[in-house]
Amino acid sequence: MFEPRPKIKLLVLQKILFENTDPEHPISGNDIIRLLGEYGINVERKSVYDDIGTLIQSGMDIVTERRGHANYYYVGSRTFQDEELMILVNTVASSKFLTKKKSDELIQKLKTLTSKYQAQSLSRTIYVDGRSKSNNERIYYSINAIHEAIVTNRQITFHYTEYDLSLKKKYRRGGQLYTVSPIYLISDSDYYYLTAYSPGHDDISNFRIDRMADVAISDEPRSEISPELQERAKEYRTTFGAFVRETSTVTLRMTNKTYVIGVLVDKYGSNLHPTRISEDKFTVRLEAQISPAFYAWLFSFGEDAEVMEPEWVRNEAKEQLEKMAAVYKG
């Protein structure tokens, strides 16, 4: 009988238990001997018991159930519970900034963290509502390069792309290379953004990472920036989108409807302090980045939201609505 090296046998046994068992699918000692044999490892029953004991002593959660005259075994707790894996898998599947290919690769890796039976269940429950996916296969590597540049305190270079009317990508600025000092990576509204200092403009800018191409780490150290610009960069971490003008405390008067409260909590969390002003109305003060994306979010409430203060935001919202009305008059 072939006697494998103990370390190899233990690793294969661990793999068998991890992949083939869960609380609904325990396996017997005979099952384990058979599966080890498929790997070319022939063992006796007593050896299986001893090896399982060794794995338990090493910290692996192996549950033993007595059924009749036989013991059955399965892996109890894992790094991720099945409910947690479900959240991760669905997040990856629905992420806009990941390509379909990269999403599929990540999902396959996540499925190795549970049994083959639960992995099949994960595949059956994934649903994505037809949302568009990024077609920039390099985004994964761009994020890694930007992260490394921040950690090593270096600048990056890249081309920035946009679409023309034929929906083809083209380089902005005629293909001129951008050189910036990266500060933060921001995840916002299904996209990743880079907040960076642009020395050519002496200002802070945001860039959509899926629109960045040919990202490379420079040998030059990141530029020193003023305390004022450092503060602005911090503010950008709570932006509504990439096109930001300034932060302002905005007072909104809103209709007391369930969906309105739900949307506010989704956007701002539970640290809101709404003030009831009538049976069906309340006011709320928000710290908002005033941008086109903010007005798009505001107008999505329709007549259920009204800007009260500051006056300049109220006037600007009114102007935006008038321009929209003029477009549809004809």
C-alpha atoms as a PDB file:
ATOM      1  CA  MET A   1       0.000   0.000   0.000  1.00  0.00           C
ATOM      2  CA  PHE A   2       1.275   3.466  -0.937  1.00  0.00           C
ATOM      3  CA  GLU A   3       1.972   5.527   2.186  1.00  0.00           C
ATOM      4  CA  PRO A   4       1.901   9.247   1.295  1.00  0.00           C
ATOM      5  CA  ARG A   5       3.884  11.811   3.146  1.00  0.00           C
ATOM      6  CA  PRO A   6       1.815  12.929   6.182  1.00  0.00           C
ATOM      7  CA  LYS A   7       1.754  16.622   5.206  1.00  0.00           C
ATOM      8  CA  ILE A   8       0.429  15.871   1.714  1.00  0.00           C
ATOM      9  CA  LYS A   9      -2.224  13.508   3.084  1.00  0.00           C
ATOM     10  CA  LEU A  10      -3.414  16.120   5.596  1.00  0.00           C
ATOM     11  CA  LEU A  11      -3.640  18.833   2.959  1.00  0.00           C
ATOM     12  CA  VAL A  12      -5.643  16.606   0.616  1.00  0.00           C
ATOM     13  CA  LEU A  13      -7.950  15.545   3.461  1.00  0.00           C
ATOM     14  CA  GLN A  14      -8.496  19.192   4.359  1.00  0.00           C
ATOM     15  CA  LYS A  15      -9.334  19.959   0.713  1.00  0.00           C
ATOM     16  CA  ILE A  16     -11.787  17.043   0.521  1.00  0.00           C
ATOM     17  CA  LEU A  17     -13.620  18.110   3.657  1.00  0.00           C
ATOM     18  CA  PHE A  18     -13.695  21.765   2.646  1.00  0.00           C
ATOM     19  CA  GLU A  19     -15.025  21.132  -0.871  1.00  0.00           C
ATOM     20  CA  ASN A  20     -17.341  18.184  -0.276  1.00  0.00           C
ATOM     21  CA  THR A  21     -19.008  18.812   3.071  1.00  0.00           C
ATOM     22  CA  ASP A  22     -21.339  21.205   4.822  1.00  0.00           C
ATOM     23  CA  PRO A  23     -24.053  20.737   7.478  1.00  0.00           C
ATOM     24  CA  GLU A  24     -26.439  19.293   4.856  1.00  0.00           C
ATOM     25  CA  HIS A  25     -23.785  17.072   3.244  1.00  0.00           C
ATOM     26  CA  PRO A  26     -21.658  15.196   5.814  1.00  0.00           C
ATOM     27  CA  ILE A  27     -19.481  12.315   4.609  1.00  0.00           C
ATOM     28  CA  SER A  28     -18.497   9.041   6.258  1.00  0.00           C
ATOM     29  CA  GLY A  29     -15.084   7.575   6.885  1.00  0.00           C
ATOM     30  CA  ASN A  30     -15.615   5.254   3.909  1.00  0.00           C
ATOM     31  CA  ASP A  31     -16.408   8.287   1.710  1.00  0.00           C
ATOM     32  CA  ILE A  32     -13.166   9.924   2.820  1.00  0.00           C
ATOM     33  CA  ILE A  33     -11.128   6.788   2.070  1.00  0.00           C
ATOM     34  CA  ARG A  34     -12.703   6.610  -1.397  1.00  0.00           C
ATOM     35  CA  LEU A  35     -12.057  10.295  -2.170  1.00  0.00           C
ATOM     36  CA  LEU A  36      -8.458  10.048  -0.941  1.00  0.00           C
ATOM     37  CA  GLY A  37      -8.061   7.074  -3.275  1.00  0.00           C
ATOM     38  CA  GLU A  38      -9.071   9.296  -6.207  1.00  0.00           C
ATOM     39  CA  TYR A  39      -5.988  11.358  -5.407  1.00  0.00           C
ATOM     40  CA  GLY A  40      -3.841   8.210  -5.372  1.00  0.00           C
ATOM     41  CA  ILE A  41      -3.670   8.143  -1.569  1.00  0.00           C
ATOM     42  CA  ASN A  42      -4.537   4.800   0.021  1.00  0.00           C
ATOM     43  CA  VAL A  43      -5.139   4.853   3.767  1.00  0.00           C
ATOM     44  CA  GLU A  44      -6.641   2.764   6.541  1.00  0.00           C
ATOM     45  CA  ARG A  45      -9.669   3.809   8.566  1.00  0.00           C
ATOM     46  CA  LYS A  46      -7.655   4.417  11.762  1.00  0.00           C
ATOM     47  CA  SER A  47      -5.373   6.773   9.844  1.00  0.00           C
ATOM     48  CA  VAL A  48      -8.414   8.820   8.754  1.00  0.00           C
ATOM     49  CA  TYR A  49      -9.569   9.182  12.371  1.00  0.00           C
ATOM     50  CA  ASP A  50      -6.085  10.263  13.481  1.00  0.00           C
ATOM     51  CA  ASP A  51      -5.768  12.801  10.648  1.00  0.00           C
ATOM     52  CA  ILE A  52      -9.186  14.305  11.364  1.00  0.00           C
ATOM     53  CA  GLY A  53      -8.131  14.695  14.996  1.00  0.00           C
ATOM     54  CA  THR A  54      -4.948  16.456  13.862  1.00  0.00           C
ATOM     55  CA  LEU A  55      -6.939  18.882  11.694  1.00  0.00           C
ATOM     56  CA  ILE A  56      -9.277  19.633  14.602  1.00  0.00           C
ATOM     57  CA  GLN A  57      -6.292  20.313  16.875  1.00  0.00           C
ATOM     58  CA  SER A  58      -4.903  22.708  14.253  1.00  0.00           C
ATOM     59  CA  GLY A  59      -8.087  24.790  14.505  1.00  0.00           C
ATOM     60  CA  MET A  60     -10.248  23.441  11.663  1.00  0.00           C
ATOM     61  CA  ASP A  61     -13.914  23.253  12.690  1.00  0.00           C
ATOM     62  CA  ILE A  62     -14.856  19.654  11.823  1.00  0.00           C
ATOM     63  CA  VAL A  63     -18.158  18.438  13.250  1.00  0.00           C
ATOM     64  CA  THR A  64     -18.645  14.715  13.920  1.00  0.00           C
ATOM     65  CA  GLU A  65     -22.128  13.163  13.782  1.00  0.00           C
ATOM     66  CA  ARG A  66     -22.884   9.615  14.843  1.00  0.00           C
ATOM     67  CA  ARG A  67     -25.299   7.827  12.480  1.00  0.00           C
ATOM     68  CA  GLY A  68     -25.933   4.231  13.396  1.00  0.00           C
ATOM     69  CA  HIS A  69     -22.543   2.577  13.735  1.00  0.00           C
ATOM     70  CA  ALA A  70     -20.650   5.122  11.603  1.00  0.00           C
ATOM     71  CA  ASN A  71     -19.247   8.601  12.091  1.00  0.00           C
ATOM     72  CA  TYR A  72     -20.034  11.339   9.564  1.00  0.00           C
ATOM     73  CA  TYR A  73     -18.009  14.525   9.220  1.00  0.00           C
ATOM     74  CA  TYR A  74     -18.501  18.033   7.847  1.00  0.00           C
ATOM     75  CA  VAL A  75     -16.886  21.462   8.059  1.00  0.00           C
ATOM     76  CA  GLY A  76     -18.801  23.627  10.522  1.00  0.00           C
ATOM     77  CA  SER A  77     -17.690  27.262  10.428  1.00  0.00           C
ATOM     78  CA  ARG A  78     -15.743  28.830   7.558  1.00  0.00           C
ATOM     79  CA  THR A  79     -14.067  32.175   6.936  1.00  0.00           C
ATOM     80  CA  PHE A  80     -17.304  33.475   5.372  1.00  0.00           C
ATOM     81  CA  GLN A  81     -20.834  32.409   6.192  1.00  0.00           C
ATOM     82  CA  ASP A  82     -22.984  31.528   3.183  1.00  0.00           C
ATOM     83  CA  GLU A  83     -25.080  34.677   3.698  1.00  0.00           C
ATOM     84  CA  GLU A  84     -21.910  36.802   3.602  1.00  0.00           C
ATOM     85  CA  LEU A  85     -20.715  35.071   0.427  1.00  0.00           C
ATOM     86  CA  MET A  86     -24.092  35.721  -1.152  1.00  0.00           C
ATOM     87  CA  ILE A  87     -23.712  39.456  -0.507  1.00  0.00           C
ATOM     88  CA  LEU A  88     -20.167  39.470  -1.933  1.00  0.00           C
ATOM     89  CA  VAL A  89     -21.127  37.462  -5.032  1.00  0.00           C
ATOM     90  CA  ASN A  90     -24.122  39.655  -5.835  1.00  0.00           C
ATOM     91  CA  THR A  91     -22.064  42.817  -5.286  1.00  0.00           C
ATOM     92  CA  VAL A  92     -19.391  41.590  -7.696  1.00  0.00           C
ATOM     93  CA  ALA A  93     -21.973  40.475 -10.264  1.00  0.00           C
ATOM     94  CA  SER A  94     -23.782  43.827 -10.256  1.00  0.00           C
ATOM     95  CA  SER A  95     -20.711  46.059 -10.104  1.00  0.00           C
ATOM     96  CA  LYS A  96     -20.542  48.430 -13.065  1.00  0.00           C
ATOM     97  CA  PHE A  97     -16.832  49.129 -12.885  1.00  0.00           C
ATOM     98  CA  LEU A  98     -15.906  45.431 -13.310  1.00  0.00           C
ATOM     99  CA  THR A  99     -16.083  43.825 -16.742  1.00  0.00           C
ATOM    100  CA  LYS A 100     -18.222  40.701 -17.116  1.00  0.00           C
ATOM    101  CA  LYS A 101     -15.073  38.617 -17.543  1.00  0.00           C
ATOM    102  CA  LYS A 102     -13.513  39.955 -14.351  1.00  0.00           C
ATOM    103  CA  SER A 103     -16.799  39.576 -12.448  1.00  0.00           C
ATOM    104  CA  ASP A 104     -17.019  35.931 -13.525  1.00  0.00           C
ATOM    105  CA  GLU A 105     -13.406  35.314 -12.441  1.00  0.00           C
ATOM    106  CA  LEU A 106     -13.971  36.844  -8.997  1.00  0.00           C
ATOM    107  CA  ILE A 107     -17.223  34.944  -8.495  1.00  0.00           C
ATOM    108  CA  GLN A 108     -15.486  31.651  -9.286  1.00  0.00           C
ATOM    109  CA  LYS A 109     -12.837  32.474  -6.664  1.00  0.00           C
ATOM    110  CA  LEU A 110     -15.493  33.368  -4.077  1.00  0.00           C
ATOM    111  CA  LYS A 111     -17.257  30.065  -4.733  1.00  0.00           C
ATOM    112  CA  THR A 112     -14.123  28.173  -3.672  1.00  0.00           C
ATOM    113  CA  LEU A 113     -14.654  29.527  -0.144  1.00  0.00           C
ATOM    114  CA  THR A 114     -17.608  27.203   0.433  1.00  0.00           C
ATOM    115  CA  SER A 115     -18.647  23.642  -0.391  1.00  0.00           C
ATOM    116  CA  LYS A 116     -19.424  22.615  -3.974  1.00  0.00           C
ATOM    117  CA  TYR A 117     -23.090  22.306  -3.013  1.00  0.00           C
ATOM    118  CA  GLN A 118     -23.338  25.839  -1.643  1.00  0.00           C
ATOM    119  CA  ALA A 119     -21.323  27.087  -4.640  1.00  0.00           C
ATOM    120  CA  GLN A 120     -24.027  25.715  -6.941  1.00  0.00           C
ATOM    121  CA  SER A 121     -26.659  27.449  -4.838  1.00  0.00           C
ATOM    122  CA  LEU A 122     -24.778  30.746  -5.185  1.00  0.00           C
ATOM    123  CA  SER A 123     -24.836  30.441  -8.981  1.00  0.00           C
ATOM    124  CA  ARG A 124     -28.573  29.794  -9.042  1.00  0.00           C
ATOM    125  CA  THR A 125     -29.439  32.833  -6.932  1.00  0.00           C
ATOM    126  CA  ILE A 126     -27.354  35.453  -8.766  1.00  0.00           C
ATOM    127  CA  TYR A 127     -29.540  37.968 -10.587  1.00  0.00           C
ATOM    128  CA  VAL A 128     -28.357  41.104 -12.336  1.00  0.00           C
ATOM    129  CA  ASP A 129     -30.988  43.438 -13.773  1.00  0.00           C
ATOM    130  CA  GLY A 130     -29.349  43.993 -17.160  1.00  0.00           C
ATOM    131  CA  ARG A 131     -27.240  46.911 -15.973  1.00  0.00           C
ATOM    132  CA  SER A 132     -24.339  47.962 -18.143  1.00  0.00           C
ATOM    133  CA  LYS A 133     -20.867  46.708 -17.306  1.00  0.00           C
ATOM    134  CA  SER A 134     -17.518  48.326 -17.881  1.00  0.00           C
ATOM    135  CA  ASN A 135     -15.687  47.263 -21.035  1.00  0.00           C
ATOM    136  CA  ASN A 136     -12.326  48.451 -19.718  1.00  0.00           C
ATOM    137  CA  GLU A 137     -10.508  45.213 -18.924  1.00  0.00           C
ATOM    138  CA  ARG A 138      -7.547  47.162 -17.532  1.00  0.00           C
ATOM    139  CA  ILE A 139      -9.456  48.851 -14.706  1.00  0.00           C
ATOM    140  CA  TYR A 140      -8.386  46.176 -12.230  1.00  0.00           C
ATOM    141  CA  TYR A 141      -4.730  46.859 -12.947  1.00  0.00           C
ATOM    142  CA  SER A 142      -5.266  50.624 -12.959  1.00  0.00           C
ATOM    143  CA  ILE A 143      -6.627  50.448  -9.402  1.00  0.00           C
ATOM    144  CA  ASN A 144      -3.619  48.391  -8.295  1.00  0.00           C
ATOM    145  CA  ALA A 145      -1.179  50.858  -9.897  1.00  0.00           C
ATOM    146  CA  ILE A 146      -2.898  53.869  -8.303  1.00  0.00           C
ATOM    147  CA  HIS A 147      -2.917  52.189  -4.897  1.00  0.00           C
ATOM    148  CA  GLU A 148       0.801  51.390  -5.195  1.00  0.00           C
ATOM    149  CA  ALA A 149       1.561  54.984  -6.238  1.00  0.00           C
ATOM    150  CA  ILE A 150      -0.266  56.344  -3.174  1.00  0.00           C
ATOM    151  CA  VAL A 151       1.562  53.932  -0.853  1.00  0.00           C
ATOM    152  CA  THR A 152       4.979  54.676  -2.385  1.00  0.00           C
ATOM    153  CA  ASN A 153       4.281  58.442  -2.651  1.00  0.00           C
ATOM    154  CA  ARG A 154       4.698  58.728  -6.428  1.00  0.00           C
ATOM    155  CA  GLN A 155       2.884  60.449  -9.271  1.00  0.00           C
ATOM    156  CA  ILE A 156       1.048  58.619 -12.030  1.00  0.00           C
ATOM    157  CA  THR A 157       0.564  59.238 -15.743  1.00  0.00           C
ATOM    158  CA  PHE A 158      -2.385  58.195 -17.906  1.00  0.00           C
ATOM    159  CA  HIS A 159      -4.539  59.030 -20.889  1.00  0.00           C
ATOM    160  CA  TYR A 160      -8.139  60.060 -20.228  1.00  0.00           C
ATOM    161  CA  THR A 161     -10.866  58.836 -22.569  1.00  0.00           C
ATOM    162  CA  GLU A 162     -14.339  59.962 -23.597  1.00  0.00           C
ATOM    163  CA  TYR A 163     -16.956  58.812 -26.107  1.00  0.00           C
ATOM    164  CA  ASP A 164     -17.867  60.421 -29.436  1.00  0.00           C
ATOM    165  CA  LEU A 165     -21.297  60.212 -31.097  1.00  0.00           C
ATOM    166  CA  SER A 166     -20.416  56.880 -32.690  1.00  0.00           C
ATOM    167  CA  LEU A 167     -19.874  55.538 -29.141  1.00  0.00           C
ATOM    168  CA  LYS A 168     -16.183  55.008 -29.790  1.00  0.00           C
ATOM    169  CA  LYS A 169     -13.603  55.928 -27.189  1.00  0.00           C
ATOM    170  CA  LYS A 170     -11.134  58.676 -27.932  1.00  0.00           C
ATOM    171  CA  TYR A 171      -8.402  60.354 -25.938  1.00  0.00           C
ATOM    172  CA  ARG A 172      -9.244  63.675 -24.334  1.00  0.00           C
ATOM    173  CA  ARG A 173      -6.919  66.624 -25.014  1.00  0.00           C
ATOM    174  CA  GLY A 174      -5.856  65.045 -28.273  1.00  0.00           C
ATOM    175  CA  GLY A 175      -4.044  62.233 -26.504  1.00  0.00           C
ATOM    176  CA  GLN A 176      -2.023  64.446 -24.151  1.00  0.00           C
ATOM    177  CA  LEU A 177      -0.627  62.500 -21.199  1.00  0.00           C
ATOM    178  CA  TYR A 178      -1.998  63.454 -17.780  1.00  0.00           C
ATOM    179  CA  THR A 179       0.422  63.661 -14.843  1.00  0.00           C
ATOM    180  CA  VAL A 180      -1.141  63.885 -11.372  1.00  0.00           C
ATOM    181  CA  SER A 181      -0.426  63.161  -7.721  1.00  0.00           C
ATOM    182  CA  PRO A 182      -2.991  60.551  -6.569  1.00  0.00           C
ATOM    183  CA  ILE A 183      -4.596  61.163  -3.166  1.00  0.00           C
ATOM    184  CA  TYR A 184      -7.709  58.992  -2.684  1.00  0.00           C
ATOM    185  CA  LEU A 185      -9.530  56.132  -4.367  1.00  0.00           C
ATOM    186  CA  ILE A 186     -13.290  56.675  -4.003  1.00  0.00           C
ATOM    187  CA  SER A 187     -16.126  54.227  -4.646  1.00  0.00           C
ATOM    188  CA  ASP A 188     -19.323  56.121  -5.453  1.00  0.00           C
ATOM    189  CA  SER A 189     -22.529  55.137  -7.300  1.00  0.00           C
ATOM    190  CA  ASP A 190     -21.125  51.899  -8.794  1.00  0.00           C
ATOM    191  CA  TYR A 191     -17.966  53.605 -10.065  1.00  0.00           C
ATOM    192  CA  TYR A 192     -14.427  54.133  -8.828  1.00  0.00           C
ATOM    193  CA  TYR A 193     -12.942  57.617  -8.867  1.00  0.00           C
ATOM    194  CA  LEU A 194      -9.462  58.954  -8.343  1.00  0.00           C
ATOM    195  CA  THR A 195      -9.087  62.193  -6.405  1.00  0.00           C
ATOM    196  CA  ALA A 196      -5.766  63.744  -7.383  1.00  0.00           C
ATOM    197  CA  TYR A 197      -3.766  66.955  -7.390  1.00  0.00           C
ATOM    198  CA  SER A 198      -3.137  68.336 -10.884  1.00  0.00           C
ATOM    199  CA  PRO A 199      -0.005  70.512 -10.788  1.00  0.00           C
ATOM    200  CA  GLY A 200      -0.805  72.066 -14.166  1.00  0.00           C
ATOM    201  CA  HIS A 201      -4.000  73.587 -12.751  1.00  0.00           C
ATOM    202  CA  ASP A 202      -2.843  73.776  -9.113  1.00  0.00           C
ATOM    203  CA  ASP A 203      -6.172  72.238  -8.144  1.00  0.00           C
ATOM    204  CA  ILE A 204      -7.894  69.028  -7.055  1.00  0.00           C
ATOM    205  CA  SER A 205      -9.625  66.932  -9.728  1.00  0.00           C
ATOM    206  CA  ASN A 206     -11.665  63.740  -9.871  1.00  0.00           C
ATOM    207  CA  PHE A 207     -11.226  61.120 -12.593  1.00  0.00           C
ATOM    208  CA  ARG A 208     -13.375  58.091 -13.425  1.00  0.00           C
ATOM    209  CA  ILE A 209     -10.960  55.170 -13.257  1.00  0.00           C
ATOM    210  CA  ASP A 210     -12.750  53.164 -15.957  1.00  0.00           C
ATOM    211  CA  ARG A 211     -12.018  56.093 -18.297  1.00  0.00           C
ATOM    212  CA  MET A 212      -8.319  56.134 -17.485  1.00  0.00           C
ATOM    213  CA  ALA A 213      -6.016  54.285 -19.896  1.00  0.00           C
ATOM    214  CA  ASP A 214      -2.322  53.382 -19.852  1.00  0.00           C
ATOM    215  CA  VAL A 215      -1.969  54.107 -16.117  1.00  0.00           C
ATOM    216  CA  ALA A 216       1.712  54.063 -15.149  1.00  0.00           C
ATOM    217  CA  ILE A 217       3.614  54.903 -11.972  1.00  0.00           C
ATOM    218  CA  SER A 218       6.086  57.749 -12.379  1.00  0.00           C
ATOM    219  CA  ASP A 219       9.532  57.983 -10.817  1.00  0.00           C
ATOM    220  CA  GLU A 220       8.624  61.473  -9.588  1.00  0.00           C
ATOM    221  CA  PRO A 221       7.398  61.916  -5.990  1.00  0.00           C
ATOM    222  CA  ARG A 222       3.911  63.277  -5.370  1.00  0.00           C
ATOM    223  CA  SER A 223       3.637  67.050  -5.297  1.00  0.00           C
ATOM    224  CA  GLU A 224       3.286  68.969  -2.058  1.00  0.00           C
ATOM    225  CA  ILE A 225      -0.153  70.582  -1.842  1.00  0.00           C
ATOM    226  CA  SER A 226      -1.482  73.376   0.310  1.00  0.00           C
ATOM    227  CA  PRO A 227      -3.598  72.732   3.434  1.00  0.00           C
ATOM    228  CA  GLU A 228      -6.585  74.297   1.645  1.00  0.00           C
ATOM    229  CA  LEU A 229      -6.354  71.828  -1.227  1.00  0.00           C
ATOM    230  CA  GLN A 230      -5.813  68.952   1.187  1.00  0.00           C
ATOM    231  CA  GLU A 231      -9.076  69.907   2.873  1.00  0.00           C
ATOM    232  CA  ARG A 232     -10.862  70.053  -0.480  1.00  0.00           C
ATOM    233  CA  ALA A 233      -9.554  66.594  -1.354  1.00  0.00           C
ATOM    234  CA  LYS A 234     -11.076  65.273   1.887  1.00  0.00           C
ATOM    235  CA  GLU A 235     -14.409  66.850   0.985  1.00  0.00           C
ATOM    236  CA  TYR A 236     -14.365  65.101  -2.382  1.00  0.00           C
ATOM    237  CA  ARG A 237     -14.616  61.773  -0.596  1.00  0.00           C
ATOM    238  CA  THR A 238     -18.321  62.521   0.044  1.00  0.00           C
ATOM    239  CA  THR A 239     -19.111  63.864  -3.427  1.00  0.00           C
ATOM    240  CA  PHE A 240     -22.265  63.079  -5.369  1.00  0.00           C
ATOM    241  CA  GLY A 241     -20.166  62.594  -8.505  1.00  0.00           C
ATOM    242  CA  ALA A 242     -17.071  63.653 -10.362  1.00  0.00           C
ATOM    243  CA  PHE A 243     -18.135  67.198 -11.235  1.00  0.00           C
ATOM    244  CA  VAL A 244     -18.057  69.109  -7.957  1.00  0.00           C
ATOM    245  CA  ARG A 245     -18.151  72.829  -7.281  1.00  0.00           C
ATOM    246  CA  GLU A 246     -18.389  73.266  -3.543  1.00  0.00           C
ATOM    247  CA  THR A 247     -19.858  71.909  -0.337  1.00  0.00           C
ATOM    248  CA  SER A 248     -22.844  73.631   1.223  1.00  0.00           C
ATOM    249  CA  THR A 249     -25.311  73.020   4.038  1.00  0.00           C
ATOM    250  CA  VAL A 250     -28.648  72.677   2.271  1.00  0.00           C
ATOM    251  CA  THR A 251     -32.059  72.781   3.955  1.00  0.00           C
ATOM    252  CA  LEU A 252     -34.730  70.789   2.147  1.00  0.00           C
ATOM    253  CA  ARG A 253     -38.475  70.760   2.767  1.00  0.00           C
ATOM    254  CA  MET A 254     -39.770  67.298   1.934  1.00  0.00           C
ATOM    255  CA  THR A 255     -43.011  65.326   1.898  1.00  0.00           C
ATOM    256  CA  ASN A 256     -43.339  62.814   4.714  1.00  0.00           C
ATOM    257  CA  LYS A 257     -43.497  59.718   2.536  1.00  0.00           C
ATOM    258  CA  THR A 258     -41.891  56.366   3.256  1.00  0.00           C
ATOM    259  CA  TYR A 259     -39.833  56.303   0.053  1.00  0.00           C
ATOM    260  CA  VAL A 260     -38.454  59.812   0.744  1.00  0.00           C
ATOM    261  CA  ILE A 261     -37.157  58.822   4.181  1.00  0.00           C
ATOM    262  CA  GLY A 262     -35.749  55.607   2.729  1.00  0.00           C
ATOM    263  CA  VAL A 263     -33.809  57.406  -0.001  1.00  0.00           C
ATOM    264  CA  LEU A 264     -32.392  59.909   2.505  1.00  0.00           C
ATOM    265  CA  VAL A 265     -31.223  57.149   4.832  1.00  0.00           C
ATOM    266  CA  ASP A 266     -29.688  55.231   1.915  1.00  0.00           C
ATOM    267  CA  LYS A 267     -27.716  58.315   0.883  1.00  0.00           C
ATOM    268  CA  TYR A 268     -26.798  59.843   4.246  1.00  0.00           C
ATOM    269  CA  GLY A 269     -27.155  57.035   6.767  1.00  0.00           C
ATOM    270  CA  SER A 270     -29.041  57.260  10.038  1.00  0.00           C
ATOM    271  CA  ASN A 271     -27.369  60.469  11.260  1.00  0.00           C
ATOM    272  CA  LEU A 272     -30.187  62.579   9.848  1.00  0.00           C
ATOM    273  CA  HIS A 273     -32.199  64.940  12.048  1.00  0.00           C
ATOM    274  CA  PRO A 274     -35.504  65.652  10.253  1.00  0.00           C
ATOM    275  CA  THR A 275     -37.792  68.227  11.812  1.00  0.00           C
ATOM    276  CA  ARG A 276     -41.544  67.827  11.374  1.00  0.00           C
ATOM    277  CA  ILE A 277     -43.233  71.089  10.364  1.00  0.00           C
ATOM    278  CA  SER A 278     -46.713  69.737   9.576  1.00  0.00           C
ATOM    279  CA  GLU A 279     -48.583  66.455   9.300  1.00  0.00           C
ATOM    280  CA  ASP A 280     -47.133  65.689   5.867  1.00  0.00           C
ATOM    281  CA  LYS A 281     -44.000  67.858   5.677  1.00  0.00           C
ATOM    282  CA  PHE A 282     -40.590  67.965   7.339  1.00  0.00           C
ATOM    283  CA  THR A 283     -37.270  69.757   6.864  1.00  0.00           C
ATOM    284  CA  VAL A 284     -33.790  68.307   6.910  1.00  0.00           C
ATOM    285  CA  ARG A 285     -30.319  69.877   6.745  1.00  0.00           C
ATOM    286  CA  LEU A 286     -27.741  68.099   4.590  1.00  0.00           C
ATOM    287  CA  GLU A 287     -24.070  68.623   3.804  1.00  0.00           C
ATOM    288  CA  ALA A 288     -24.108  68.344   0.010  1.00  0.00           C
ATOM    289  CA  GLN A 289     -21.584  68.688  -2.793  1.00  0.00           C
ATOM    290  CA  ILE A 290     -23.360  71.083  -5.171  1.00  0.00           C
ATOM    291  CA  SER A 291     -23.020  69.645  -8.664  1.00  0.00           C
ATOM    292  CA  PRO A 292     -25.138  68.580 -11.643  1.00  0.00           C
ATOM    293  CA  ALA A 293     -25.367  65.154 -10.025  1.00  0.00           C
ATOM    294  CA  PHE A 294     -26.791  66.756  -6.861  1.00  0.00           C
ATOM    295  CA  TYR A 295     -29.540  68.498  -8.833  1.00  0.00           C
ATOM    296  CA  ALA A 296     -30.322  65.255 -10.692  1.00  0.00           C
ATOM    297  CA  TRP A 297     -30.690  63.517  -7.321  1.00  0.00           C
ATOM    298  CA  LEU A 298     -32.820  66.375  -5.949  1.00  0.00           C
ATOM    299  CA  PHE A 299     -35.160  66.490  -8.961  1.00  0.00           C
ATOM    300  CA  SER A 300     -35.720  62.736  -8.749  1.00  0.00           C
ATOM    301  CA  PHE A 301     -38.035  63.497  -5.799  1.00  0.00           C
ATOM    302  CA  GLY A 302     -40.278  65.621  -8.001  1.00  0.00           C
ATOM    303  CA  GLU A 303     -42.688  67.749  -5.967  1.00  0.00           C
ATOM    304  CA  ASP A 304     -41.684  65.916  -2.779  1.00  0.00           C
ATOM    305  CA  ALA A 305     -38.521  67.996  -2.305  1.00  0.00           C
ATOM    306  CA  GLU A 306     -37.927  71.759  -2.224  1.00  0.00           C
ATOM    307  CA  VAL A 307     -34.718  73.691  -1.508  1.00  0.00           C
ATOM    308  CA  MET A 308     -35.279  76.250   1.247  1.00  0.00           C
ATOM    309  CA  GLU A 309     -31.707  77.394   1.957  1.00  0.00           C
ATOM    310  CA  PRO A 310     -29.220  78.653   0.935  1.00  0.00           C
ATOM    311  CA  GLU A 311     -30.812  81.116  -1.442  1.00  0.00           C
ATOM    312  CA  TRP A 312     -28.220  80.645  -4.179  1.00  0.00           C
ATOM    313  CA  VAL A 313     -28.861  76.872  -4.322  1.00  0.00           C
ATOM    314  CA  ARG A 314     -32.627  77.501  -4.409  1.00  0.00           C
ATOM    315  CA  ASN A 315     -32.185  79.982  -7.262  1.00  0.00           C
ATOM    316  CA  GLU A 316     -29.872  77.675  -9.154  1.00  0.00           C
ATOM    317  CA  ALA A 317     -32.324  74.787  -8.799  1.00  0.00           C
ATOM    318  CA  LYS A 318     -35.075  77.037 -10.144  1.00  0.00           C
ATOM    319  CA  GLU A 319     -32.899  78.014 -13.118  1.00  0.00           C
ATOM    320  CA  GLN A 320     -32.174  74.367 -13.837  1.00  0.00           C
ATOM    321  CA  LEU A 321     -35.889  73.565 -13.824  1.00  0.00           C
ATOM    322  CA  GLU A 322     -36.680  76.537 -16.089  1.00  0.00           C
ATOM    323  CA  LYS A 323     -34.083  75.375 -18.584  1.00  0.00           C
ATOM    324  CA  MET A 324     -35.567  71.882 -18.531  1.00  0.00           C
ATOM    325  CA  ALA A 325     -39.075  73.281 -19.038  1.00  0.00           C
ATOM    326  CA  ALA A 326     -37.867  75.377 -21.993  1.00  0.00           C
ATOM    327  CA  VAL A 327     -36.482  72.274 -23.668  1.00  0.00           C
ATOM    328  CA  TYR A 328     -39.879  70.565 -23.540  1.00  0.00           C
ATOM    329  CA  LYS A 329     -42.005  73.607 -24.474  1.00  0.00           C
ATOM    330  CA  GLY A 330     -41.545  72.995 -28.161  1.00  0.00           C
END
